[in-house]
N, C-alpha and C. Protein backbone atom coordinates (compact mmCIF):
# COMPACT_ATOMS: atom_id res chain seq x y z
N MET A 1 0.86 -1.27 0.07
CA MET A 1 0.10 0.20 0.11
C MET A 1 0.93 1.47 0.08
N GLY A 2 0.62 2.23 -0.75
CA GLY A 2 1.34 3.59 -0.81
C GLY A 2 1.05 4.42 0.32
N ALA A 3 -0.08 4.34 0.57
CA ALA A 3 -0.30 5.50 1.66
C ALA A 3 -0.35 4.75 3.14
N THR A 4 0.01 5.25 3.78
CA THR A 4 0.03 4.65 5.49
C THR A 4 -1.35 5.02 5.89
N MET A 5 -1.85 3.78 6.66
CA MET A 5 -3.13 3.93 7.29
C MET A 5 -3.53 5.11 7.82
N GLU A 6 -2.46 5.78 8.65
CA GLU A 6 -2.86 7.09 9.29
C GLU A 6 -3.47 8.06 8.47
N ASN A 7 -2.87 8.11 7.24
CA ASN A 7 -3.84 9.04 6.29
C ASN A 7 -4.80 8.62 5.55
N ILE A 8 -5.14 7.49 5.97
CA ILE A 8 -6.93 7.22 5.23
C ILE A 8 -7.93 7.05 6.19
N ALA A 9 -9.00 7.74 5.70
CA ALA A 9 -9.98 7.88 7.11
C ALA A 9 -10.64 6.51 7.25
N HIS A 10 -10.88 6.07 8.46
CA HIS A 10 -11.44 4.80 8.50
C HIS A 10 -12.50 4.44 7.53
N GLY A 11 -12.35 3.07 6.96
CA GLY A 11 -13.49 2.59 6.02
C GLY A 11 -13.53 3.09 4.74
N THR A 12 -12.59 3.92 4.28
CA THR A 12 -12.64 4.33 2.93
C THR A 12 -11.97 3.25 1.97
N VAL A 13 -11.12 2.35 2.82
CA VAL A 13 -10.75 1.31 2.02
C VAL A 13 -11.07 -0.23 2.26
N PRO A 14 -11.55 -0.97 1.40
CA PRO A 14 -12.10 -2.17 1.68
C PRO A 14 -11.03 -3.39 2.07
N GLU A 15 -10.53 -3.33 3.52
CA GLU A 15 -9.25 -4.09 3.70
C GLU A 15 -9.63 -5.54 3.78
N TYR A 16 -10.93 -6.07 4.61
CA TYR A 16 -11.27 -7.08 4.63
C TYR A 16 -12.57 -7.54 4.29
N GLY A 17 -13.33 -6.37 4.23
CA GLY A 17 -14.82 -6.44 3.89
C GLY A 17 -15.35 -5.44 3.56
N ALA A 18 -16.70 -5.33 3.13
CA ALA A 18 -17.33 -4.29 2.69
C ALA A 18 -18.47 -4.04 3.02
N ILE A 19 -19.15 -2.99 2.78
CA ILE A 19 -20.85 -2.59 3.37
C ILE A 19 -21.36 -2.08 2.04
N PHE A 20 -22.25 -2.64 1.58
CA PHE A 20 -22.97 -2.04 0.02
C PHE A 20 -24.29 -1.43 0.95
N MET A 21 -24.74 -0.38 0.25
CA MET A 21 -26.01 0.26 0.63
C MET A 21 -27.31 -0.23 -0.55
N SER A 22 -28.26 -0.02 0.10
CA SER A 22 -29.72 -0.31 -0.88
C SER A 22 -30.91 0.13 -0.08
N ASN A 23 -31.86 0.49 -1.13
CA ASN A 23 -33.49 0.60 -0.28
C ASN A 23 -33.99 -0.81 -0.43
N ARG A 24 -35.22 -0.52 0.01
CA ARG A 24 -36.07 -1.96 -0.38
C ARG A 24 -36.10 -2.51 -1.62
N VAL A 25 -36.19 -1.55 -2.62
CA VAL A 25 -36.34 -1.85 -4.14
C VAL A 25 -34.97 -2.28 -4.86
N THR A 26 -34.23 -1.91 -4.47
CA THR A 26 -33.06 -2.45 -4.76
C THR A 26 -32.15 -3.36 -4.10
N ARG A 27 -32.82 -3.87 -2.81
CA ARG A 27 -32.47 -4.89 -2.24
C ARG A 27 -32.77 -5.94 -2.83
N ALA A 28 -34.19 -6.11 -3.22
CA ALA A 28 -34.69 -7.35 -3.64
C ALA A 28 -33.96 -7.54 -5.01
N GLU A 29 -33.46 -6.80 -5.79
CA GLU A 29 -32.69 -7.03 -7.09
C GLU A 29 -31.41 -7.71 -6.67
N CYS A 30 -30.72 -6.96 -5.56
CA CYS A 30 -29.50 -7.40 -5.20
C CYS A 30 -29.48 -9.00 -5.15
N PHE A 31 -30.64 -9.57 -4.33
CA PHE A 31 -30.54 -10.79 -3.82
C PHE A 31 -31.12 -11.77 -5.24
N ARG A 32 -32.07 -11.19 -5.82
CA ARG A 32 -32.10 -11.84 -7.14
C ARG A 32 -30.84 -12.10 -7.90
N ARG A 33 -30.41 -11.08 -8.32
CA ARG A 33 -29.00 -11.17 -8.91
C ARG A 33 -28.02 -11.71 -8.42
N LYS A 34 -28.00 -11.78 -7.23
CA LYS A 34 -26.71 -12.08 -6.32
C LYS A 34 -25.58 -10.88 -6.84
N LEU A 35 -25.94 -9.96 -6.76
CA LEU A 35 -24.99 -8.73 -7.23
C LEU A 35 -25.26 -7.34 -6.71
N PHE A 36 -24.30 -6.76 -5.78
CA PHE A 36 -24.20 -5.86 -5.07
C PHE A 36 -23.77 -4.83 -6.12
N GLY A 37 -24.05 -3.27 -6.13
CA GLY A 37 -23.61 -2.42 -6.73
C GLY A 37 -23.95 -1.11 -6.09
N LEU A 38 -22.92 -0.16 -6.52
CA LEU A 38 -22.84 1.16 -5.92
C LEU A 38 -22.71 2.32 -7.17
N PRO A 39 -22.97 3.32 -6.98
CA PRO A 39 -22.60 4.41 -7.91
C PRO A 39 -21.26 4.59 -8.66
N TYR A 40 -21.14 5.25 -9.80
CA TYR A 40 -19.82 5.39 -10.68
C TYR A 40 -18.88 5.68 -9.71
N TRP A 41 -19.23 6.87 -8.93
CA TRP A 41 -18.29 7.44 -8.21
C TRP A 41 -17.50 6.72 -7.01
N LEU A 42 -18.14 5.74 -6.88
CA LEU A 42 -17.45 4.54 -5.80
C LEU A 42 -16.67 3.53 -6.50
N GLY A 43 -16.65 3.69 -7.71
CA GLY A 43 -15.74 2.55 -8.63
C GLY A 43 -14.49 2.20 -7.79
N ASP A 44 -13.78 3.11 -7.66
CA ASP A 44 -12.35 2.68 -7.04
C ASP A 44 -12.27 1.85 -5.79
N PHE A 45 -13.48 2.43 -4.91
CA PHE A 45 -13.84 1.59 -3.88
C PHE A 45 -13.98 0.30 -4.29
N VAL A 46 -14.77 -0.22 -5.38
CA VAL A 46 -15.53 -1.34 -5.44
C VAL A 46 -14.29 -2.21 -6.13
N LEU A 47 -13.63 -1.46 -6.93
CA LEU A 47 -12.57 -2.26 -7.75
C LEU A 47 -11.08 -2.72 -6.52
N GLN A 48 -11.50 -2.34 -5.29
CA GLN A 48 -10.67 -2.89 -4.67
C GLN A 48 -11.21 -4.27 -3.65
N ILE A 49 -12.29 -4.62 -4.00
CA ILE A 49 -12.80 -5.86 -3.29
C ILE A 49 -12.46 -6.84 -4.22
N LYS A 50 -11.93 -7.78 -3.40
CA LYS A 50 -11.67 -8.97 -3.90
C LYS A 50 -12.59 -10.42 -3.74
N SER A 51 -12.51 -11.31 -4.71
CA SER A 51 -13.35 -12.31 -4.20
C SER A 51 -13.04 -13.18 -3.07
N GLY A 52 -13.91 -13.34 -2.26
CA GLY A 52 -13.61 -14.15 -0.72
C GLY A 52 -13.82 -13.07 0.42
N MET A 53 -13.63 -11.92 -0.29
CA MET A 53 -13.88 -10.93 1.05
C MET A 53 -15.33 -11.19 1.81
N ILE A 54 -15.73 -10.71 2.87
CA ILE A 54 -16.82 -10.85 3.35
C ILE A 54 -17.49 -9.60 3.25
N LEU A 55 -19.15 -9.44 2.96
CA LEU A 55 -19.59 -8.38 2.61
C LEU A 55 -21.03 -8.44 3.27
N PHE A 56 -21.83 -7.26 3.29
CA PHE A 56 -22.89 -6.96 4.00
C PHE A 56 -23.63 -5.75 3.31
N LEU A 57 -24.93 -5.91 3.30
CA LEU A 57 -25.88 -5.16 2.74
C LEU A 57 -26.79 -4.30 3.88
N PHE A 58 -26.39 -2.76 3.85
CA PHE A 58 -27.14 -1.97 4.64
C PHE A 58 -28.44 -1.28 3.84
N GLU A 59 -29.34 -1.63 4.43
CA GLU A 59 -30.77 -0.96 4.05
C GLU A 59 -30.93 0.11 4.68
N TYR A 60 -30.93 1.38 3.75
CA TYR A 60 -30.93 2.58 4.65
C TYR A 60 -32.08 3.02 4.98
N GLU A 61 -33.46 2.46 4.33
CA GLU A 61 -34.82 3.07 4.80
C GLU A 61 -35.05 2.45 5.99
N ASN A 62 -34.69 1.30 6.77
CA ASN A 62 -35.15 0.57 7.77
C ASN A 62 -33.99 0.54 8.87
N ARG A 63 -32.48 1.04 8.17
CA ARG A 63 -31.46 1.23 9.24
C ARG A 63 -31.29 -0.06 9.49
N VAL A 64 -31.24 -1.25 8.66
CA VAL A 64 -30.63 -2.76 8.84
C VAL A 64 -29.75 -3.20 8.02
N LEU A 65 -28.92 -3.80 8.67
CA LEU A 65 -27.68 -4.37 8.01
C LEU A 65 -27.88 -5.80 7.94
N HIS A 66 -27.81 -6.51 6.57
CA HIS A 66 -28.11 -7.67 6.18
C HIS A 66 -27.09 -8.73 5.82
N GLY A 67 -26.75 -9.74 6.28
CA GLY A 67 -25.40 -10.65 6.17
C GLY A 67 -25.84 -11.92 6.05
N VAL A 68 -24.89 -12.79 6.06
CA VAL A 68 -23.19 -12.54 5.84
C VAL A 68 -23.22 -13.16 4.47
N PHE A 69 -22.62 -12.36 3.46
CA PHE A 69 -22.32 -12.56 2.18
C PHE A 69 -20.72 -12.66 2.11
N GLN A 70 -20.46 -13.48 0.76
CA GLN A 70 -18.89 -13.45 0.18
C GLN A 70 -18.89 -13.03 -0.95
N ALA A 71 -17.85 -12.15 -1.36
CA ALA A 71 -17.85 -11.89 -2.82
C ALA A 71 -17.31 -13.02 -3.55
N THR A 72 -17.97 -13.09 -4.60
CA THR A 72 -17.41 -14.28 -5.63
C THR A 72 -16.88 -13.91 -7.08
N SER A 73 -16.70 -12.80 -7.00
CA SER A 73 -15.68 -12.26 -8.10
C SER A 73 -15.15 -10.91 -7.17
N ASP A 74 -14.22 -10.63 -8.20
CA ASP A 74 -13.46 -9.10 -7.88
C ASP A 74 -14.35 -8.32 -8.13
N GLY A 75 -14.38 -7.17 -7.37
CA GLY A 75 -15.21 -5.82 -7.84
C GLY A 75 -14.76 -5.32 -9.23
N ALA A 76 -15.60 -4.65 -9.94
CA ALA A 76 -15.41 -4.47 -11.46
C ALA A 76 -16.67 -3.55 -11.90
N MET A 77 -16.68 -2.97 -13.29
CA MET A 77 -17.47 -1.86 -13.77
C MET A 77 -18.36 -2.71 -14.56
N ASN A 78 -19.83 -2.72 -14.40
CA ASN A 78 -20.84 -3.09 -15.32
C ASN A 78 -20.72 -4.67 -15.42
N ILE A 79 -20.63 -5.26 -14.43
CA ILE A 79 -20.52 -6.96 -14.71
C ILE A 79 -21.82 -7.19 -15.28
N VAL A 80 -23.27 -6.71 -14.64
CA VAL A 80 -24.19 -6.62 -15.35
C VAL A 80 -25.12 -5.29 -15.78
N PRO A 81 -24.55 -4.98 -16.95
CA PRO A 81 -24.57 -3.72 -17.30
C PRO A 81 -26.10 -2.68 -17.34
N HIS A 82 -27.07 -3.63 -17.43
CA HIS A 82 -28.48 -2.94 -17.14
C HIS A 82 -29.11 -2.97 -15.68
N ALA A 83 -28.30 -3.72 -14.65
CA ALA A 83 -28.75 -4.02 -13.48
C ALA A 83 -28.99 -2.76 -12.56
N TYR A 84 -30.33 -2.80 -12.02
CA TYR A 84 -30.76 -1.78 -11.36
C TYR A 84 -31.78 -0.71 -12.15
N THR A 85 -31.81 -0.79 -13.42
CA THR A 85 -32.22 0.36 -14.08
C THR A 85 -33.65 0.37 -13.80
N SER A 86 -34.35 -0.62 -13.39
CA SER A 86 -35.88 -0.37 -13.06
C SER A 86 -35.90 0.70 -11.78
N SER A 87 -35.04 0.67 -11.32
CA SER A 87 -34.98 1.52 -10.12
C SER A 87 -34.78 3.14 -10.51
N GLY A 88 -34.36 3.24 -11.58
CA GLY A 88 -34.36 4.57 -12.15
C GLY A 88 -32.88 5.15 -11.78
N GLN A 89 -32.21 4.24 -11.10
CA GLN A 89 -30.50 4.69 -10.72
C GLN A 89 -29.83 3.62 -11.44
N LYS A 90 -28.38 4.04 -11.35
CA LYS A 90 -27.21 3.43 -12.17
C LYS A 90 -26.20 3.16 -11.02
N PHE A 91 -25.91 1.98 -11.01
CA PHE A 91 -24.89 1.39 -9.87
C PHE A 91 -23.95 0.47 -10.79
N PRO A 92 -23.08 1.07 -11.47
CA PRO A 92 -22.07 0.43 -12.36
C PRO A 92 -21.14 -0.56 -11.42
N ALA A 93 -20.54 0.12 -10.59
CA ALA A 93 -19.59 -0.54 -9.70
C ALA A 93 -20.10 -1.79 -8.83
N GLN A 94 -19.76 -3.21 -9.32
CA GLN A 94 -20.39 -4.15 -9.06
C GLN A 94 -19.65 -5.02 -8.21
N VAL A 95 -20.21 -6.18 -7.64
CA VAL A 95 -19.59 -7.38 -7.14
C VAL A 95 -20.46 -8.52 -7.05
N LYS A 96 -20.33 -9.76 -7.39
CA LYS A 96 -21.24 -10.77 -7.40
C LYS A 96 -20.85 -11.29 -5.96
N PHE A 97 -21.84 -11.88 -5.65
CA PHE A 97 -21.96 -12.63 -4.09
C PHE A 97 -22.49 -13.90 -4.07
N SER A 98 -22.22 -14.51 -2.82
CA SER A 98 -23.07 -15.68 -2.59
C SER A 98 -23.30 -15.57 -1.01
N ILE A 99 -24.24 -16.23 -0.48
CA ILE A 99 -24.76 -16.21 1.04
C ILE A 99 -24.03 -16.98 1.65
N LEU A 100 -23.07 -16.41 2.71
CA LEU A 100 -22.06 -17.37 3.44
C LEU A 100 -23.10 -17.88 4.79
N TRP A 101 -24.02 -16.96 5.40
CA TRP A 101 -24.67 -17.52 6.47
C TRP A 101 -26.04 -16.79 6.22
N SER A 102 -27.17 -17.51 6.46
CA SER A 102 -28.49 -16.89 6.42
C SER A 102 -28.88 -16.35 7.58
N CYS A 103 -28.91 -15.16 8.16
CA CYS A 103 -29.13 -14.38 9.17
C CYS A 103 -30.03 -13.46 9.22
N ASN A 104 -30.87 -13.15 10.64
CA ASN A 104 -32.01 -12.09 10.49
C ASN A 104 -30.86 -10.89 10.62
N PRO A 105 -31.51 -9.71 10.07
CA PRO A 105 -30.75 -8.57 9.95
C PRO A 105 -30.56 -8.00 11.29
N LEU A 106 -29.68 -7.14 11.24
CA LEU A 106 -29.62 -6.28 12.78
C LEU A 106 -29.84 -4.80 12.37
N PHE A 107 -30.09 -4.25 13.35
CA PHE A 107 -30.62 -3.05 13.54
C PHE A 107 -29.59 -2.26 13.64
N GLU A 108 -29.56 -0.75 13.40
CA GLU A 108 -28.15 -0.15 13.38
C GLU A 108 -27.67 0.11 14.85
N ASP A 109 -28.45 0.28 15.75
CA ASP A 109 -28.31 0.25 17.10
C ASP A 109 -27.56 -0.70 17.71
N ARG A 110 -27.76 -2.01 17.11
CA ARG A 110 -27.02 -3.42 17.47
C ARG A 110 -25.39 -3.34 16.86
N PHE A 111 -25.30 -3.02 15.62
CA PHE A 111 -24.08 -3.13 14.86
C PHE A 111 -23.14 -2.08 14.73
N GLN A 112 -23.91 -0.76 15.43
CA GLN A 112 -22.83 0.32 14.97
C GLN A 112 -21.86 0.48 15.85
N SER A 113 -21.82 -0.05 17.09
CA SER A 113 -20.34 -0.16 18.00
C SER A 113 -19.33 -0.98 17.28
N ALA A 114 -19.85 -2.10 16.36
CA ALA A 114 -18.40 -2.66 15.78
C ALA A 114 -18.04 -1.77 14.75
N ILE A 115 -18.40 -0.87 13.90
CA ILE A 115 -17.79 -0.08 13.01
C ILE A 115 -17.83 1.30 13.14
N LYS A 116 -17.76 1.73 14.68
CA LYS A 116 -17.85 3.19 15.10
C LYS A 116 -16.81 4.07 14.40
N GLU A 117 -15.78 3.44 14.32
CA GLU A 117 -14.50 4.38 13.62
C GLU A 117 -15.06 4.79 12.07
N ASN A 118 -16.01 4.10 11.37
CA ASN A 118 -16.20 4.39 10.07
C ASN A 118 -17.27 5.77 9.98
N TYR A 119 -18.19 5.75 11.28
CA TYR A 119 -19.18 7.03 11.14
C TYR A 119 -18.49 8.26 11.16
N PHE A 120 -18.93 9.05 9.99
CA PHE A 120 -18.34 10.58 9.98
C PHE A 120 -19.37 11.47 10.38
N SER A 121 -20.75 11.01 10.54
CA SER A 121 -21.82 12.00 10.88
C SER A 121 -22.91 10.96 11.85
N ALA A 122 -23.93 11.23 12.40
CA ALA A 122 -24.94 10.45 13.06
C ALA A 122 -25.14 9.27 12.38
N LYS A 123 -25.66 9.60 11.03
CA LYS A 123 -26.10 8.75 10.53
C LYS A 123 -25.40 8.14 9.39
N LYS A 124 -24.20 8.63 9.09
CA LYS A 124 -23.49 8.33 7.47
C LYS A 124 -22.14 7.35 8.13
N PHE A 125 -21.73 6.63 7.24
CA PHE A 125 -20.55 5.82 7.64
C PHE A 125 -19.90 5.44 6.29
N ASN A 126 -18.45 5.35 6.56
CA ASN A 126 -17.76 4.70 5.31
C ASN A 126 -18.02 3.26 5.15
N PHE A 127 -17.83 2.72 4.11
CA PHE A 127 -18.00 1.29 3.62
C PHE A 127 -17.18 0.33 3.87
N GLY A 128 -15.80 0.56 3.90
CA GLY A 128 -14.57 -0.41 3.98
C GLY A 128 -14.43 -1.11 5.61
N LEU A 129 -13.99 -2.16 5.73
CA LEU A 129 -13.94 -3.01 6.87
C LEU A 129 -12.73 -3.43 7.40
N SER A 130 -12.19 -3.10 8.25
CA SER A 130 -10.80 -3.75 8.71
C SER A 130 -11.39 -5.15 9.11
N ARG A 131 -10.06 -6.08 9.39
CA ARG A 131 -10.22 -7.39 10.03
C ARG A 131 -11.06 -7.49 11.43
N MET A 132 -10.77 -6.64 12.39
CA MET A 132 -11.45 -6.50 13.60
C MET A 132 -13.06 -6.24 13.30
N GLN A 133 -13.39 -5.18 12.43
CA GLN A 133 -14.86 -4.93 12.24
C GLN A 133 -15.29 -6.33 11.51
N VAL A 134 -14.71 -6.68 10.45
CA VAL A 134 -15.43 -7.93 9.93
C VAL A 134 -15.65 -9.09 11.19
N ARG A 135 -14.71 -9.45 11.84
CA ARG A 135 -14.76 -10.25 13.10
C ARG A 135 -16.15 -9.79 14.33
N LYS A 136 -16.05 -8.59 14.42
CA LYS A 136 -17.09 -7.99 15.14
C LYS A 136 -18.45 -8.29 14.77
N LEU A 137 -18.47 -7.87 13.53
CA LEU A 137 -19.91 -8.05 12.75
C LEU A 137 -20.33 -9.76 12.68
N LEU A 138 -19.10 -10.62 12.35
CA LEU A 138 -19.59 -11.91 12.20
C LEU A 138 -19.93 -12.20 13.68
N SER A 139 -19.46 -11.95 14.79
CA SER A 139 -19.95 -12.54 16.22
C SER A 139 -21.24 -12.13 16.18
N LEU A 140 -21.52 -10.70 15.78
CA LEU A 140 -22.86 -10.17 16.00
C LEU A 140 -23.88 -11.20 15.07
N PHE A 141 -23.61 -11.02 13.98
CA PHE A 141 -24.59 -12.20 13.02
C PHE A 141 -24.35 -13.38 13.44
N SER A 142 -23.50 -13.93 14.17
CA SER A 142 -23.41 -15.76 14.50
C SER A 142 -24.78 -15.70 15.64
N LEU A 143 -25.25 -14.76 16.14
CA LEU A 143 -26.37 -14.92 17.03
C LEU A 143 -27.27 -14.91 16.55
N THR A 144 -27.71 -14.24 15.22
CA THR A 144 -29.00 -14.27 14.76
C THR A 144 -28.90 -15.40 13.46
N LYS A 145 -28.06 -16.29 13.35
CA LYS A 145 -27.94 -17.24 12.20
C LYS A 145 -28.98 -18.16 12.40
N PHE A 146 -29.23 -18.55 11.19
CA PHE A 146 -30.55 -19.67 11.12
C PHE A 146 -29.69 -20.86 11.06
N SER A 147 -30.09 -22.06 11.82
CA SER A 147 -29.55 -23.19 11.64
C SER A 147 -29.94 -23.91 10.38
N ASP A 148 -29.38 -24.59 9.55
CA ASP A 148 -29.44 -25.18 8.46
C ASP A 148 -31.07 -26.04 8.43
N GLN A 149 -31.40 -26.70 9.20
CA GLN A 149 -32.48 -27.05 9.64
C GLN A 149 -33.61 -26.16 9.95
N LEU A 150 -33.54 -25.11 10.73
CA LEU A 150 -34.57 -24.00 10.61
C LEU A 150 -34.64 -23.30 9.61
N HIS A 151 -33.63 -23.02 9.02
CA HIS A 151 -33.77 -22.20 7.55
C HIS A 151 -34.80 -23.05 6.49
N THR A 152 -34.62 -24.55 6.38
CA THR A 152 -35.15 -25.19 5.50
C THR A 152 -36.78 -24.97 5.84
N ARG A 153 -37.03 -25.64 7.38
CA ARG A 153 -38.38 -25.37 7.58
C ARG A 153 -39.18 -23.99 7.32
N GLN A 154 -38.20 -23.12 7.55
CA GLN A 154 -39.13 -21.72 7.44
C GLN A 154 -39.19 -21.53 5.77
N LEU A 155 -38.31 -21.91 4.76
CA LEU A 155 -38.53 -21.61 3.52
C LEU A 155 -39.56 -22.48 2.92
N SER A 156 -39.69 -24.08 3.63
CA SER A 156 -40.85 -25.09 3.13
C SER A 156 -42.09 -24.19 3.78
N SER A 157 -41.93 -23.59 4.66
CA SER A 157 -43.50 -22.99 5.32
C SER A 157 -43.95 -22.02 4.36
N TYR A 158 -43.03 -21.18 3.86
CA TYR A 158 -43.47 -20.03 2.83
C TYR A 158 -43.91 -20.61 1.28
N LYS A 159 -43.78 -22.08 1.24
CA LYS A 159 -43.88 -22.54 0.04
C LYS A 159 -45.49 -22.88 0.17
N GLY A 160 -45.90 -22.87 1.25
CA GLY A 160 -47.32 -23.54 1.73
C GLY A 160 -47.46 -24.78 1.92
N SER A 161 -46.25 -25.55 2.36
CA SER A 161 -46.22 -26.82 2.79
C SER A 161 -46.61 -27.08 4.34
């Protein structure tokens, strides 16, 4: 790394993981496509995401964090060129992902302390995560993780079984 960590604001670089943003509409498309996206101006950030990194999705309307996901591609521009166009927005800085753990989402008051260094105002934070922040978030999400058996039962109940 050319710059020292003292010169970089907390969370501006995805060292070990990243948080993506969505609203209710784009969240559904993220999960359907297994693709996270951010605006063009965050392209440099997304290009630093590597396959295998731990990812999370922050739904800003409800102020909840969804997890736990793993990047299955390196970050790139326009992996799916027309993704998110139905929302009237463009999010060309993209990364593909898979679900690592199926968990209940965490409300902001529950996860905020794990990434407190990233907050630059009362409700805004940078998206890059350090190793310790990823560990703290994984620890929080481990408490809300569905067991495989429970998750299977919940899915079958949605199918009308």
